Each structure stands twice: as C-alpha cells, then as structure tokens.
C-alpha cells in the first residue's frame, strides 16, 4: 500500500489548494426576450416557455380556468 515518505503539513497542503477557486458564472442576455441566463443552458422565459439559443424548446401548457 502506498504511503507518503514524509508528512505534509497543514500549511503546505493549504498553499497547494489555494489555486482551486470557484469561478464567477458567465451570464448572457437573450437576443429575443432580453432574459439573463447562464451560457450554454436552457432557461424559462416570462411565459414559462423553455428556451435555448433564442428558440422555444418546450412550449408552456395553457391552463383553462373554466372548472
């Protein structure tokens, strides 16, 4: 079983891990609706339609209030 030749101190371990950082998400604006969304992700517009790259992927279901 492999094991380190010498113990790595907390300070040395933390110095190595300082480069793993969370990135700021890239936000785009739809050219059709003007909605802000994450890049390369589908999103719902104000009418509950699922959109991607300016096109409707899934149209929202219209509910009748006649009941």
N, C-alpha and C. Protein backbone atom coordinates (compact mmCIF):
# COMPACT_ATOMS: atom_id res chain seq x y z
N UNK A 1 0.84 -1.18 0.00
CA UNK A 1 0.00 0.00 0.00
C UNK A 1 0.89 1.24 0.00
N UNK A 2 0.56 2.20 -0.82
CA UNK A 2 1.39 3.40 -0.93
C UNK A 2 1.16 4.33 0.26
N UNK A 3 2.23 4.96 0.69
CA UNK A 3 2.12 5.96 1.76
C UNK A 3 3.18 7.02 1.55
N UNK A 4 2.93 8.24 1.98
CA UNK A 4 3.88 9.32 1.76
C UNK A 4 5.16 9.10 2.55
N UNK A 5 6.28 9.54 1.97
CA UNK A 5 7.57 9.38 2.64
C UNK A 5 7.66 10.27 3.87
N UNK A 6 7.04 11.45 3.78
CA UNK A 6 7.02 12.34 4.94
C UNK A 6 5.66 13.01 5.02
N UNK A 7 5.30 13.43 6.22
CA UNK A 7 4.00 14.05 6.43
C UNK A 7 3.96 15.44 5.79
N UNK A 8 2.84 15.76 5.15
CA UNK A 8 2.67 17.10 4.57
C UNK A 8 1.95 17.95 5.60
N UNK A 9 2.54 19.08 5.93
CA UNK A 9 1.97 19.95 6.96
C UNK A 9 0.69 20.61 6.46
N UNK A 10 -0.10 21.12 7.39
CA UNK A 10 -1.35 21.80 7.05
C UNK A 10 -1.08 23.02 6.18
N UNK A 11 -0.02 23.76 6.52
CA UNK A 11 0.30 24.97 5.77
C UNK A 11 0.67 24.64 4.33
N UNK A 12 1.47 23.61 4.13
CA UNK A 12 1.89 23.24 2.79
C UNK A 12 0.69 22.73 1.97
N UNK A 13 -0.18 21.98 2.61
CA UNK A 13 -1.37 21.47 1.93
C UNK A 13 -2.29 22.62 1.52
N UNK A 14 -2.47 23.58 2.40
CA UNK A 14 -3.35 24.71 2.11
C UNK A 14 -2.77 25.62 1.04
N UNK A 15 -1.45 25.77 1.01
CA UNK A 15 -0.82 26.56 -0.05
C UNK A 15 -1.09 25.94 -1.41
N UNK A 16 -1.05 24.63 -1.49
CA UNK A 16 -1.28 23.93 -2.75
C UNK A 16 -2.73 24.09 -3.20
N UNK A 17 -3.64 24.12 -2.26
CA UNK A 17 -5.07 24.17 -2.59
C UNK A 17 -5.60 25.57 -2.84
N UNK A 18 -4.78 26.61 -2.71
CA UNK A 18 -5.27 27.96 -2.91
C UNK A 18 -5.67 28.23 -4.35
N UNK A 19 -5.20 27.43 -5.30
CA UNK A 19 -5.48 27.68 -6.70
C UNK A 19 -6.82 27.10 -7.14
N UNK A 20 -7.45 26.25 -6.31
CA UNK A 20 -8.75 25.71 -6.64
C UNK A 20 -9.81 26.69 -6.18
N UNK A 21 -10.31 27.50 -7.09
CA UNK A 21 -11.25 28.55 -6.72
C UNK A 21 -12.54 28.41 -7.53
N UNK A 22 -13.62 28.85 -6.96
CA UNK A 22 -14.88 28.88 -7.68
C UNK A 22 -14.84 30.05 -8.66
N UNK A 23 -15.29 29.79 -9.87
CA UNK A 23 -15.29 30.84 -10.89
C UNK A 23 -16.62 31.59 -10.89
N UNK A 24 -16.59 32.81 -11.36
CA UNK A 24 -17.80 33.61 -11.49
C UNK A 24 -18.59 33.07 -12.68
N UNK A 25 -19.89 32.76 -12.52
CA UNK A 25 -20.66 32.24 -13.64
C UNK A 25 -20.82 33.28 -14.74
N UNK A 26 -20.74 32.83 -15.99
CA UNK A 26 -20.88 33.73 -17.12
C UNK A 26 -22.35 33.88 -17.46
N UNK A 27 -22.82 35.11 -17.47
CA UNK A 27 -24.22 35.39 -17.71
C UNK A 27 -24.38 36.03 -19.08
N UNK A 28 -25.33 35.50 -19.84
CA UNK A 28 -25.61 36.03 -21.17
C UNK A 28 -27.01 36.63 -21.18
N UNK A 29 -27.29 37.44 -22.20
CA UNK A 29 -28.60 38.04 -22.38
C UNK A 29 -29.19 37.52 -23.68
N UNK A 30 -30.42 37.03 -23.62
CA UNK A 30 -31.09 36.50 -24.81
C UNK A 30 -31.38 37.66 -25.77
N UNK A 31 -31.09 37.43 -27.05
CA UNK A 31 -31.33 38.48 -28.04
C UNK A 31 -32.81 38.62 -28.37
N UNK A 32 -33.61 37.60 -28.12
CA UNK A 32 -35.04 37.63 -28.45
C UNK A 32 -35.85 38.22 -27.30
N UNK A 33 -35.66 37.67 -26.09
CA UNK A 33 -36.50 38.06 -24.95
C UNK A 33 -35.83 39.06 -24.02
N UNK A 34 -34.51 39.15 -24.05
CA UNK A 34 -33.81 40.04 -23.15
C UNK A 34 -33.59 39.45 -21.77
N UNK A 35 -33.91 38.16 -21.58
CA UNK A 35 -33.72 37.48 -20.29
C UNK A 35 -32.24 37.24 -20.05
N UNK A 36 -31.83 37.32 -18.80
CA UNK A 36 -30.47 36.97 -18.44
C UNK A 36 -30.45 35.51 -18.00
N UNK A 37 -29.43 34.75 -18.48
CA UNK A 37 -29.34 33.33 -18.18
C UNK A 37 -27.88 32.90 -18.24
N UNK A 38 -27.59 31.69 -17.76
CA UNK A 38 -26.25 31.15 -17.83
C UNK A 38 -25.95 30.71 -19.25
N UNK A 39 -24.70 30.87 -19.67
CA UNK A 39 -24.30 30.46 -21.01
C UNK A 39 -24.47 28.96 -21.20
N UNK A 40 -24.85 28.53 -22.38
CA UNK A 40 -25.00 27.13 -22.77
C UNK A 40 -25.99 26.39 -21.88
N UNK A 41 -27.00 27.07 -21.39
CA UNK A 41 -28.03 26.46 -20.56
C UNK A 41 -29.40 26.88 -21.08
N UNK A 42 -30.36 25.99 -21.02
CA UNK A 42 -31.74 26.34 -21.35
C UNK A 42 -32.34 27.08 -20.17
N UNK A 43 -33.33 27.94 -20.44
CA UNK A 43 -33.92 28.75 -19.38
C UNK A 43 -35.39 28.98 -19.69
N UNK A 44 -36.15 29.31 -18.66
CA UNK A 44 -37.58 29.62 -18.81
C UNK A 44 -37.76 31.12 -18.96
N UNK A 45 -38.58 31.52 -19.92
CA UNK A 45 -38.87 32.94 -20.09
C UNK A 45 -40.07 33.33 -19.24
N UNK A 46 -40.58 34.55 -19.41
CA UNK A 46 -41.69 35.04 -18.60
C UNK A 46 -43.00 34.28 -18.85
N UNK A 47 -43.15 33.66 -20.02
CA UNK A 47 -44.36 32.90 -20.35
C UNK A 47 -44.21 31.42 -20.03
N UNK A 48 -43.19 31.04 -19.29
CA UNK A 48 -42.89 29.65 -18.90
C UNK A 48 -42.59 28.74 -20.08
N UNK A 49 -42.07 29.31 -21.16
CA UNK A 49 -41.57 28.51 -22.28
C UNK A 49 -40.10 28.21 -22.01
N UNK A 50 -39.69 26.99 -22.33
CA UNK A 50 -38.28 26.63 -22.18
C UNK A 50 -37.56 27.03 -23.45
N UNK A 51 -36.56 27.90 -23.32
CA UNK A 51 -35.84 28.43 -24.48
C UNK A 51 -34.37 28.06 -24.43
N UNK A 52 -33.78 27.95 -25.61
CA UNK A 52 -32.33 27.76 -25.74
C UNK A 52 -31.89 28.39 -27.04
N UNK A 53 -30.93 29.27 -26.99
CA UNK A 53 -30.38 29.99 -28.14
C UNK A 53 -31.47 30.70 -28.93
N UNK A 54 -32.43 31.31 -28.23
CA UNK A 54 -33.46 32.11 -28.87
C UNK A 54 -34.63 31.32 -29.43
N UNK A 55 -34.58 29.99 -29.32
CA UNK A 55 -35.66 29.17 -29.86
C UNK A 55 -36.44 28.53 -28.72
N UNK A 56 -37.72 28.26 -28.95
CA UNK A 56 -38.55 27.60 -27.94
C UNK A 56 -38.34 26.09 -28.07
N UNK A 57 -37.90 25.46 -26.98
CA UNK A 57 -37.74 24.01 -26.97
C UNK A 57 -39.03 23.34 -26.52
N UNK A 58 -39.59 23.83 -25.41
CA UNK A 58 -40.83 23.27 -24.88
C UNK A 58 -41.78 24.42 -24.64
N UNK A 59 -42.93 24.34 -25.31
CA UNK A 59 -43.92 25.41 -25.15
C UNK A 59 -44.70 25.19 -23.85
N UNK A 60 -45.05 26.26 -23.20
CA UNK A 60 -45.78 26.19 -21.93
C UNK A 60 -47.20 25.68 -22.16
N UNK A 61 -47.68 24.93 -21.19
CA UNK A 61 -49.04 24.40 -21.25
C UNK A 61 -50.00 25.49 -20.78
N UNK A 62 -51.03 25.75 -21.58
CA UNK A 62 -52.02 26.74 -21.20
C UNK A 62 -53.09 26.07 -20.36
N UNK A 63 -53.41 26.66 -19.22
CA UNK A 63 -54.40 26.10 -18.30
C UNK A 63 -55.67 26.93 -18.42
N UNK A 64 -56.80 26.23 -18.65
CA UNK A 64 -58.09 26.91 -18.72
C UNK A 64 -58.67 27.03 -17.32
N UNK A 65 -59.28 28.15 -17.01
CA UNK A 65 -59.86 28.38 -15.69
C UNK A 65 -61.37 28.18 -15.66
N UNK A 66 -61.91 27.28 -16.52
CA UNK A 66 -63.35 27.06 -16.62
C UNK A 66 -63.89 26.10 -15.58
N UNK A 67 -63.06 25.49 -14.79
CA UNK A 67 -63.51 24.45 -13.86
C UNK A 67 -64.32 24.99 -12.77
